[in-house]
Every structure is written in C-alpha cells, then in structure tokens.
Amino acid sequence: MRNRTAGQLMLALGVGLLCGVFALGLLAFLDPGRLAGFSELVPGDSPPPEMGAYLVAMALLWVIGGATGRILQYGLALARSERE
C-alpha cells in the first residue's frame, strides 16, 4: 500500500512536470522574445545568436523532459508494485 501511494504521487509529479515542460516549450516557440536571455549563454559569435538561443533552450527542455520521463517511469513502477 505504501509503495502504491508513493508511486501515485511520483506519477502525479511526473505528469505535472511533463505538462510544465510542454507549456514552456510551447511558450518559447510562440513568443520568441522569451529566448532573448538564452543568447547570452552562447559563447562566441559562431552561430547566429537567435539559433544559439533556440539550441540552448531546446537542450534544456530535452534534459528536463528526460529527467521528468525517468520520474514518471519510476512512479509507474512503484504504483504497479505489490509489495508494501
């Protein structure tokens, strides 16, 4: 029972984080002005600053999405477990 409750909480956290990542990605591409701060993270002037800002933002969203997927997977495994 205890693992199942913890699993359901982790599952809810994972779904919430995935919704947040999706919303952040959607807002970033609907309003490109939000990405202006990311261009400062790009070293040098080799790529165009706008492209670098998109790459940094996409990399961060990829990492957050990957971590969220692992949390969701762990929550599912706990929710399906039968042991206490």
PDB file of N, CA and C in Angstrom:
ATOM      1  N   MET A   1       0.821  -1.189   0.000  1.00  0.00           N
ATOM      2  CA  MET A   1       0.000   0.000   0.000  1.00  0.00           C
ATOM      3  C   MET A   1       0.871   1.261   0.000  1.00  0.00           C
ATOM      4  N   ARG A   2       1.954   1.189   0.745  1.00  0.00           N
ATOM      5  CA  ARG A   2       2.826   2.351   0.866  1.00  0.00           C
ATOM      6  C   ARG A   2       3.537   2.666  -0.452  1.00  0.00           C
ATOM      7  N   ASN A   3       4.037   1.599  -1.124  1.00  0.00           N
ATOM      8  CA  ASN A   3       4.687   1.780  -2.430  1.00  0.00           C
ATOM      9  C   ASN A   3       3.701   2.298  -3.459  1.00  0.00           C
ATOM     10  N   ARG A   4       2.478   1.815  -3.378  1.00  0.00           N
ATOM     11  CA  ARG A   4       1.464   2.228  -4.340  1.00  0.00           C
ATOM     12  C   ARG A   4       1.155   3.717  -4.182  1.00  0.00           C
ATOM     13  N   THR A   5       1.029   4.198  -2.959  1.00  0.00           N
ATOM     14  CA  THR A   5       0.761   5.618  -2.718  1.00  0.00           C
ATOM     15  C   THR A   5       1.937   6.474  -3.158  1.00  0.00           C
ATOM     16  N   ALA A   6       3.148   6.035  -2.841  1.00  0.00           N
ATOM     17  CA  ALA A   6       4.335   6.772  -3.276  1.00  0.00           C
ATOM     18  C   ALA A   6       4.426   6.777  -4.799  1.00  0.00           C
ATOM     19  N   GLY A   7       4.076   5.649  -5.414  1.00  0.00           N
ATOM     20  CA  GLY A   7       4.084   5.572  -6.862  1.00  0.00           C
ATOM     21  C   GLY A   7       3.073   6.505  -7.501  1.00  0.00           C
ATOM     22  N   GLN A   8       1.899   6.600  -6.898  1.00  0.00           N
ATOM     23  CA  GLN A   8       0.877   7.505  -7.427  1.00  0.00           C
ATOM     24  C   GLN A   8       1.309   8.959  -7.282  1.00  0.00           C
ATOM     25  N   LEU A   9       1.973   9.281  -6.184  1.00  0.00           N
ATOM     26  CA  LEU A   9       2.485  10.646  -6.008  1.00  0.00           C
ATOM     27  C   LEU A   9       3.580  10.957  -7.032  1.00  0.00           C
ATOM     28  N   MET A  10       4.482  10.001  -7.248  1.00  0.00           N
ATOM     29  CA  MET A  10       5.540  10.197  -8.245  1.00  0.00           C
ATOM     30  C   MET A  10       4.945  10.298  -9.653  1.00  0.00           C
ATOM     31  N   LEU A  11       3.923   9.529  -9.911  1.00  0.00           N
ATOM     32  CA  LEU A  11       3.246   9.573 -11.198  1.00  0.00           C
ATOM     33  C   LEU A  11       2.609  10.941 -11.421  1.00  0.00           C
ATOM     34  N   ALA A  12       1.938  11.459 -10.393  1.00  0.00           N
ATOM     35  CA  ALA A  12       1.325  12.782 -10.492  1.00  0.00           C
ATOM     36  C   ALA A  12       2.391  13.863 -10.680  1.00  0.00           C
ATOM     37  N   LEU A  13       3.504  13.740  -9.968  1.00  0.00           N
ATOM     38  CA  LEU A  13       4.600  14.691 -10.120  1.00  0.00           C
ATOM     39  C   LEU A  13       5.170  14.638 -11.535  1.00  0.00           C
ATOM     40  N   GLY A  14       5.351  13.435 -12.062  1.00  0.00           N
ATOM     41  CA  GLY A  14       5.880  13.274 -13.415  1.00  0.00           C
ATOM     42  C   GLY A  14       4.960  13.857 -14.468  1.00  0.00           C
ATOM     43  N   VAL A  15       3.658  13.622 -14.331  1.00  0.00           N
ATOM     44  CA  VAL A  15       2.699  14.171 -15.295  1.00  0.00           C
ATOM     45  C   VAL A  15       2.676  15.686 -15.206  1.00  0.00           C
ATOM     46  N   GLY A  16       2.723  16.219 -13.987  1.00  0.00           N
ATOM     47  CA  GLY A  16       2.754  17.671 -13.817  1.00  0.00           C
ATOM     48  C   GLY A  16       3.993  18.298 -14.431  1.00  0.00           C
ATOM     49  N   LEU A  17       5.140  17.667 -14.220  1.00  0.00           N
ATOM     50  CA  LEU A  17       6.377  18.178 -14.804  1.00  0.00           C
ATOM     51  C   LEU A  17       6.371  18.084 -16.327  1.00  0.00           C
ATOM     52  N   LEU A  18       5.817  16.996 -16.861  1.00  0.00           N
ATOM     53  CA  LEU A  18       5.723  16.882 -18.318  1.00  0.00           C
ATOM     54  C   LEU A  18       4.813  17.958 -18.902  1.00  0.00           C
ATOM     55  N   CYS A  19       3.724  18.255 -18.226  1.00  0.00           N
ATOM     56  CA  CYS A  19       2.843  19.346 -18.675  1.00  0.00           C
ATOM     57  C   CYS A  19       3.587  20.679 -18.616  1.00  0.00           C
ATOM     58  N   GLY A  20       4.386  20.875 -17.576  1.00  0.00           N
ATOM     59  CA  GLY A  20       5.168  22.106 -17.464  1.00  0.00           C
ATOM     60  C   GLY A  20       6.205  22.234 -18.565  1.00  0.00           C
ATOM     61  N   VAL A  21       6.884  21.138 -18.893  1.00  0.00           N
ATOM     62  CA  VAL A  21       7.874  21.163 -19.971  1.00  0.00           C
ATOM     63  C   VAL A  21       7.192  21.463 -21.302  1.00  0.00           C
ATOM     64  N   PHE A  22       6.035  20.847 -21.535  1.00  0.00           N
ATOM     65  CA  PHE A  22       5.311  21.107 -22.771  1.00  0.00           C
ATOM     66  C   PHE A  22       4.885  22.576 -22.853  1.00  0.00           C
ATOM     67  N   ALA A  23       4.384  23.117 -21.735  1.00  0.00           N
ATOM     68  CA  ALA A  23       3.957  24.526 -21.725  1.00  0.00           C
ATOM     69  C   ALA A  23       5.146  25.461 -21.960  1.00  0.00           C
ATOM     70  N   LEU A  24       6.289  25.173 -21.332  1.00  0.00           N
ATOM     71  CA  LEU A  24       7.473  26.017 -21.537  1.00  0.00           C
ATOM     72  C   LEU A  24       7.942  25.972 -22.986  1.00  0.00           C
ATOM     73  N   GLY A  25       7.942  24.791 -23.560  1.00  0.00           N
ATOM     74  CA  GLY A  25       8.338  24.661 -24.965  1.00  0.00           C
ATOM     75  C   GLY A  25       7.381  25.383 -25.893  1.00  0.00           C
ATOM     76  N   LEU A  26       6.107  25.256 -25.625  1.00  0.00           N
ATOM     77  CA  LEU A  26       5.108  25.925 -26.451  1.00  0.00           C
ATOM     78  C   LEU A  26       5.221  27.438 -26.342  1.00  0.00           C
ATOM     79  N   LEU A  27       5.382  27.933 -25.127  1.00  0.00           N
ATOM     80  CA  LEU A  27       5.517  29.386 -24.942  1.00  0.00           C
ATOM     81  C   LEU A  27       6.791  29.929 -25.567  1.00  0.00           C
ATOM     82  N   ALA A  28       7.857  29.153 -25.517  1.00  0.00           N
ATOM     83  CA  ALA A  28       9.120  29.608 -26.096  1.00  0.00           C
ATOM     84  C   ALA A  28       9.024  29.753 -27.609  1.00  0.00           C
ATOM     85  N   PHE A  29       8.274  28.870 -28.239  1.00  0.00           N
ATOM     86  CA  PHE A  29       8.181  28.937 -29.689  1.00  0.00           C
ATOM     87  C   PHE A  29       7.047  29.835 -30.171  1.00  0.00           C
ATOM     88  N   LEU A  30       6.066  30.105 -29.327  1.00  0.00           N
ATOM     89  CA  LEU A  30       5.020  31.053 -29.698  1.00  0.00           C
ATOM     90  C   LEU A  30       5.475  32.490 -29.514  1.00  0.00           C
ATOM     91  N   ASP A  31       6.318  32.724 -28.513  1.00  0.00           N
ATOM     92  CA  ASP A  31       6.835  34.070 -28.248  1.00  0.00           C
ATOM     93  C   ASP A  31       8.359  33.999 -28.211  1.00  0.00           C
ATOM     94  N   PRO A  32       9.025  34.153 -29.360  1.00  0.00           N
ATOM     95  CA  PRO A  32      10.484  34.015 -29.407  1.00  0.00           C
ATOM     96  C   PRO A  32      11.221  35.053 -28.563  1.00  0.00           C
ATOM     97  N   GLY A  33      10.576  36.114 -28.148  1.00  0.00           N
ATOM     98  CA  GLY A  33      11.219  37.104 -27.284  1.00  0.00           C
ATOM     99  C   GLY A  33      11.630  36.541 -25.936  1.00  0.00           C
ATOM    100  N   ARG A  34      10.986  35.456 -25.530  1.00  0.00           N
ATOM    101  CA  ARG A  34      11.348  34.808 -24.261  1.00  0.00           C
ATOM    102  C   ARG A  34      12.744  34.193 -24.313  1.00  0.00           C
ATOM    103  N   LEU A  35      13.242  33.927 -25.517  1.00  0.00           N
ATOM    104  CA  LEU A  35      14.536  33.270 -25.673  1.00  0.00           C
ATOM    105  C   LEU A  35      15.698  34.254 -25.712  1.00  0.00           C
ATOM    106  N   ALA A  36      15.428  35.536 -25.559  1.00  0.00           N
ATOM    107  CA  ALA A  36      16.490  36.536 -25.668  1.00  0.00           C
ATOM    108  C   ALA A  36      17.588  36.314 -24.617  1.00  0.00           C
ATOM    109  N   GLY A  37      17.230  35.918 -23.436  1.00  0.00           N
ATOM    110  CA  GLY A  37      18.214  35.702 -22.385  1.00  0.00           C
ATOM    111  C   GLY A  37      19.134  34.523 -22.646  1.00  0.00           C
ATOM    112  N   PHE A  38      18.674  33.548 -23.406  1.00  0.00           N
ATOM    113  CA  PHE A  38      19.494  32.374 -23.695  1.00  0.00           C
ATOM    114  C   PHE A  38      20.655  32.700 -24.632  1.00  0.00           C
ATOM    115  N   SER A  39      20.523  33.757 -25.416  1.00  0.00           N
ATOM    116  CA  SER A  39      21.610  34.089 -26.346  1.00  0.00           C
ATOM    117  C   SER A  39      22.870  34.527 -25.601  1.00  0.00           C
ATOM    118  N   GLU A  40      22.717  34.971 -24.353  1.00  0.00           N
ATOM    119  CA  GLU A  40      23.889  35.342 -23.546  1.00  0.00           C
ATOM    120  C   GLU A  40      24.670  34.107 -23.104  1.00  0.00           C
ATOM    121  N   LEU A  41      24.039  32.944 -23.102  1.00  0.00           N
ATOM    122  CA  LEU A  41      24.702  31.708 -22.684  1.00  0.00           C
ATOM    123  C   LEU A  41      25.538  31.094 -23.795  1.00  0.00           C
ATOM    124  N   VAL A  42      25.352  31.573 -25.022  1.00  0.00           N
ATOM    125  CA  VAL A  42      26.075  31.019 -26.160  1.00  0.00           C
ATOM    126  C   VAL A  42      27.441  31.699 -26.264  1.00  0.00           C
ATOM    127  N   PRO A  43      28.535  30.949 -26.157  1.00  0.00           N
ATOM    128  CA  PRO A  43      29.861  31.576 -26.243  1.00  0.00           C
ATOM    129  C   PRO A  43      30.218  31.927 -27.690  1.00  0.00           C
ATOM    130  N   GLY A  44      30.831  33.061 -27.871  1.00  0.00           N
ATOM    131  CA  GLY A  44      31.310  33.468 -29.197  1.00  0.00           C
ATOM    132  C   GLY A  44      30.182  33.878 -30.126  1.00  0.00           C
ATOM    133  N   ASP A  45      30.566  34.120 -31.371  1.00  0.00           N
ATOM    134  CA  ASP A  45      29.589  34.538 -32.371  1.00  0.00           C
ATOM    135  C   ASP A  45      29.525  33.565 -33.545  1.00  0.00           C
ATOM    136  N   SER A  46      29.929  32.311 -33.347  1.00  0.00           N
ATOM    137  CA  SER A  46      29.955  31.369 -34.470  1.00  0.00           C
ATOM    138  C   SER A  46      28.558  31.101 -35.042  1.00  0.00           C
ATOM    139  N   PRO A  47      27.577  30.636 -34.232  1.00  0.00           N
ATOM    140  CA  PRO A  47      26.245  30.539 -34.823  1.00  0.00           C
ATOM    141  C   PRO A  47      25.528  31.875 -34.663  1.00  0.00           C
ATOM    142  N   PRO A  48      24.519  32.116 -35.459  1.00  0.00           N
ATOM    143  CA  PRO A  48      23.730  33.327 -35.215  1.00  0.00           C
ATOM    144  C   PRO A  48      23.145  33.282 -33.803  1.00  0.00           C
ATOM    145  N   PRO A  49      23.090  34.402 -33.108  1.00  0.00           N
ATOM    146  CA  PRO A  49      22.624  34.375 -31.709  1.00  0.00           C
ATOM    147  C   PRO A  49      21.218  33.798 -31.549  1.00  0.00           C
ATOM    148  N   GLU A  50      20.336  34.038 -32.516  1.00  0.00           N
ATOM    149  CA  GLU A  50      18.977  33.502 -32.396  1.00  0.00           C
ATOM    150  C   GLU A  50      18.983  31.980 -32.445  1.00  0.00           C
ATOM    151  N   MET A  51      19.808  31.435 -33.345  1.00  0.00           N
ATOM    152  CA  MET A  51      19.887  29.986 -33.460  1.00  0.00           C
ATOM    153  C   MET A  51      20.503  29.376 -32.193  1.00  0.00           C
ATOM    154  N   GLY A  52      21.506  30.038 -31.658  1.00  0.00           N
ATOM    155  CA  GLY A  52      22.122  29.563 -30.426  1.00  0.00           C
ATOM    156  C   GLY A  52      21.145  29.576 -29.271  1.00  0.00           C
ATOM    157  N   ALA A  53      20.308  30.620 -29.210  1.00  0.00           N
ATOM    158  CA  ALA A  53      19.307  30.697 -28.140  1.00  0.00           C
ATOM    159  C   ALA A  53      18.318  29.549 -28.258  1.00  0.00           C
ATOM    160  N   TYR A  54      17.904  29.240 -29.488  1.00  0.00           N
ATOM    161  CA  TYR A  54      16.992  28.111 -29.672  1.00  0.00           C
ATOM    162  C   TYR A  54      17.653  26.796 -29.288  1.00  0.00           C
ATOM    163  N   LEU A  55      18.921  26.631 -29.640  1.00  0.00           N
ATOM    164  CA  LEU A  55      19.618  25.389 -29.314  1.00  0.00           C
ATOM    165  C   LEU A  55      19.782  25.206 -27.808  1.00  0.00           C
ATOM    166  N   VAL A  56      20.109  26.292 -27.101  1.00  0.00           N
ATOM    167  CA  VAL A  56      20.255  26.213 -25.646  1.00  0.00           C
ATOM    168  C   VAL A  56      18.910  25.884 -25.005  1.00  0.00           C
ATOM    169  N   ALA A  57      17.864  26.564 -25.458  1.00  0.00           N
ATOM    170  CA  ALA A  57      16.534  26.316 -24.891  1.00  0.00           C
ATOM    171  C   ALA A  57      16.076  24.886 -25.175  1.00  0.00           C
ATOM    172  N   MET A  58      16.327  24.407 -26.390  1.00  0.00           N
ATOM    173  CA  MET A  58      15.936  23.041 -26.718  1.00  0.00           C
ATOM    174  C   MET A  58      16.735  22.020 -25.910  1.00  0.00           C
ATOM    175  N   ALA A  59      18.009  22.287 -25.688  1.00  0.00           N
ATOM    176  CA  ALA A  59      18.827  21.370 -24.885  1.00  0.00           C
ATOM    177  C   ALA A  59      18.329  21.318 -23.443  1.00  0.00           C
ATOM    178  N   LEU A  60      17.999  22.470 -22.889  1.00  0.00           N
ATOM    179  CA  LEU A  60      17.485  22.496 -21.517  1.00  0.00           C
ATOM    180  C   LEU A  60      16.144  21.777 -21.416  1.00  0.00           C
ATOM    181  N   LEU A  61      15.263  22.006 -22.378  1.00  0.00           N
ATOM    182  CA  LEU A  61      13.980  21.306 -22.373  1.00  0.00           C
ATOM    183  C   LEU A  61      14.172  19.806 -22.545  1.00  0.00           C
ATOM    184  N   TRP A  62      15.159  19.396 -23.346  1.00  0.00           N
ATOM    185  CA  TRP A  62      15.450  17.972 -23.538  1.00  0.00           C
ATOM    186  C   TRP A  62      15.897  17.326 -22.223  1.00  0.00           C
ATOM    187  N   VAL A  63      16.767  18.012 -21.503  1.00  0.00           N
ATOM    188  CA  VAL A  63      17.258  17.477 -20.224  1.00  0.00           C
ATOM    189  C   VAL A  63      16.123  17.408 -19.201  1.00  0.00           C
ATOM    190  N   ILE A  64      15.331  18.467 -19.110  1.00  0.00           N
ATOM    191  CA  ILE A  64      14.213  18.474 -18.164  1.00  0.00           C
ATOM    192  C   ILE A  64      13.201  17.399 -18.540  1.00  0.00           C
ATOM    193  N   GLY A  65      12.921  17.264 -19.824  1.00  0.00           N
ATOM    194  CA  GLY A  65      11.983  16.230 -20.272  1.00  0.00           C
ATOM    195  C   GLY A  65      12.497  14.833 -19.982  1.00  0.00           C
ATOM    196  N   GLY A  66      13.791  14.609 -20.164  1.00  0.00           N
ATOM    197  CA  GLY A  66      14.368  13.302 -19.865  1.00  0.00           C
ATOM    198  C   GLY A  66      14.284  12.957 -18.386  1.00  0.00           C
ATOM    199  N   ALA A  67      14.601  13.924 -17.546  1.00  0.00           N
ATOM    200  CA  ALA A  67      14.502  13.697 -16.102  1.00  0.00           C
ATOM    201  C   ALA A  67      13.053  13.452 -15.694  1.00  0.00           C
ATOM    202  N   THR A  68      12.143  14.188 -16.290  1.00  0.00           N
ATOM    203  CA  THR A  68      10.729  14.013 -15.993  1.00  0.00           C
ATOM    204  C   THR A  68      10.249  12.637 -16.428  1.00  0.00           C
ATOM    205  N   GLY A  69      10.713  12.182 -17.576  1.00  0.00           N
ATOM    206  CA  GLY A  69      10.348  10.842 -18.035  1.00  0.00           C
ATOM    207  C   GLY A  69      10.825   9.760 -17.094  1.00  0.00           C
ATOM    208  N   ARG A  70      12.009   9.945 -16.541  1.00  0.00           N
ATOM    209  CA  ARG A  70      12.524   8.959 -15.571  1.00  0.00           C
ATOM    210  C   ARG A  70      11.703   8.981 -14.283  1.00  0.00           C
ATOM    211  N   ILE A  71      11.315  10.161 -13.832  1.00  0.00           N
ATOM    212  CA  ILE A  71      10.465  10.263 -12.640  1.00  0.00           C
ATOM    213  C   ILE A  71       9.132   9.573 -12.891  1.00  0.00           C
ATOM    214  N   LEU A  72       8.570   9.800 -14.069  1.00  0.00           N
ATOM    215  CA  LEU A  72       7.304   9.183 -14.437  1.00  0.00           C
ATOM    216  C   LEU A  72       7.434   7.663 -14.505  1.00  0.00           C
ATOM    217  N   GLN A  73       8.512   7.176 -15.068  1.00  0.00           N
ATOM    218  CA  GLN A  73       8.747   5.739 -15.164  1.00  0.00           C
ATOM    219  C   GLN A  73       8.896   5.124 -13.773  1.00  0.00           C
ATOM    220  N   TYR A  74       9.608   5.802 -12.880  1.00  0.00           N
ATOM    221  CA  TYR A  74       9.784   5.309 -11.516  1.00  0.00           C
ATOM    222  C   TYR A  74       8.442   5.291 -10.789  1.00  0.00           C
ATOM    223  N   GLY A  75       7.637   6.333 -10.997  1.00  0.00           N
ATOM    224  CA  GLY A  75       6.310   6.374 -10.371  1.00  0.00           C
ATOM    225  C   GLY A  75       5.419   5.243 -10.859  1.00  0.00           C
ATOM    226  N   LEU A  76       5.473   4.954 -12.147  1.00  0.00           N
ATOM    227  CA  LEU A  76       4.683   3.842 -12.682  1.00  0.00           C
ATOM    228  C   LEU A  76       5.131   2.512 -12.093  1.00  0.00           C
ATOM    229  N   ALA A  77       6.431   2.324 -11.986  1.00  0.00           N
ATOM    230  CA  ALA A  77       6.940   1.069 -11.405  1.00  0.00           C
ATOM    231  C   ALA A  77       6.510   0.934  -9.952  1.00  0.00           C
ATOM    232  N   LEU A  78       6.542   2.016  -9.195  1.00  0.00           N
ATOM    233  CA  LEU A  78       6.115   1.949  -7.798  1.00  0.00           C
ATOM    234  C   LEU A  78       4.616   1.721  -7.685  1.00  0.00           C
ATOM    235  N   ALA A  79       3.828   2.356  -8.541  1.00  0.00           N
ATOM    236  CA  ALA A  79       2.373   2.221  -8.479  1.00  0.00           C
ATOM    237  C   ALA A  79       1.944   0.791  -8.828  1.00  0.00           C
ATOM    238  N   ARG A  80       2.703   0.120  -9.707  1.00  0.00           N
ATOM    239  CA  ARG A  80       2.354  -1.249 -10.104  1.00  0.00           C
ATOM    240  C   ARG A  80       2.867  -2.301  -9.140  1.00  0.00           C
ATOM    241  N   SER A  81       3.741  -1.923  -8.231  1.00  0.00           N
ATOM    242  CA  SER A  81       4.336  -2.923  -7.324  1.00  0.00           C
ATOM    243  C   SER A  81       3.301  -3.411  -6.324  1.00  0.00           C
ATOM    244  N   GLU A  82       3.460  -4.638  -5.915  1.00  0.00           N
ATOM    245  CA  GLU A  82       2.518  -5.275  -5.000  1.00  0.00           C
ATOM    246  C   GLU A  82       3.029  -5.318  -3.566  1.00  0.00           C
ATOM    247  N   ARG A  83       4.333  -5.130  -3.395  1.00  0.00           N
ATOM    248  CA  ARG A  83       4.907  -5.219  -2.053  1.00  0.00           C
ATOM    249  C   ARG A  83       4.574  -3.976  -1.241  1.00  0.00           C
ATOM    250  N   GLU A  84       4.624  -4.133   0.075  1.00  0.00           N
ATOM    251  CA  GLU A  84       4.385  -2.999   0.971  1.00  0.00           C
ATOM    252  C   GLU A  84       5.671  -2.415   1.423  1.00  0.00           C
TER     253      GLU A  84
END
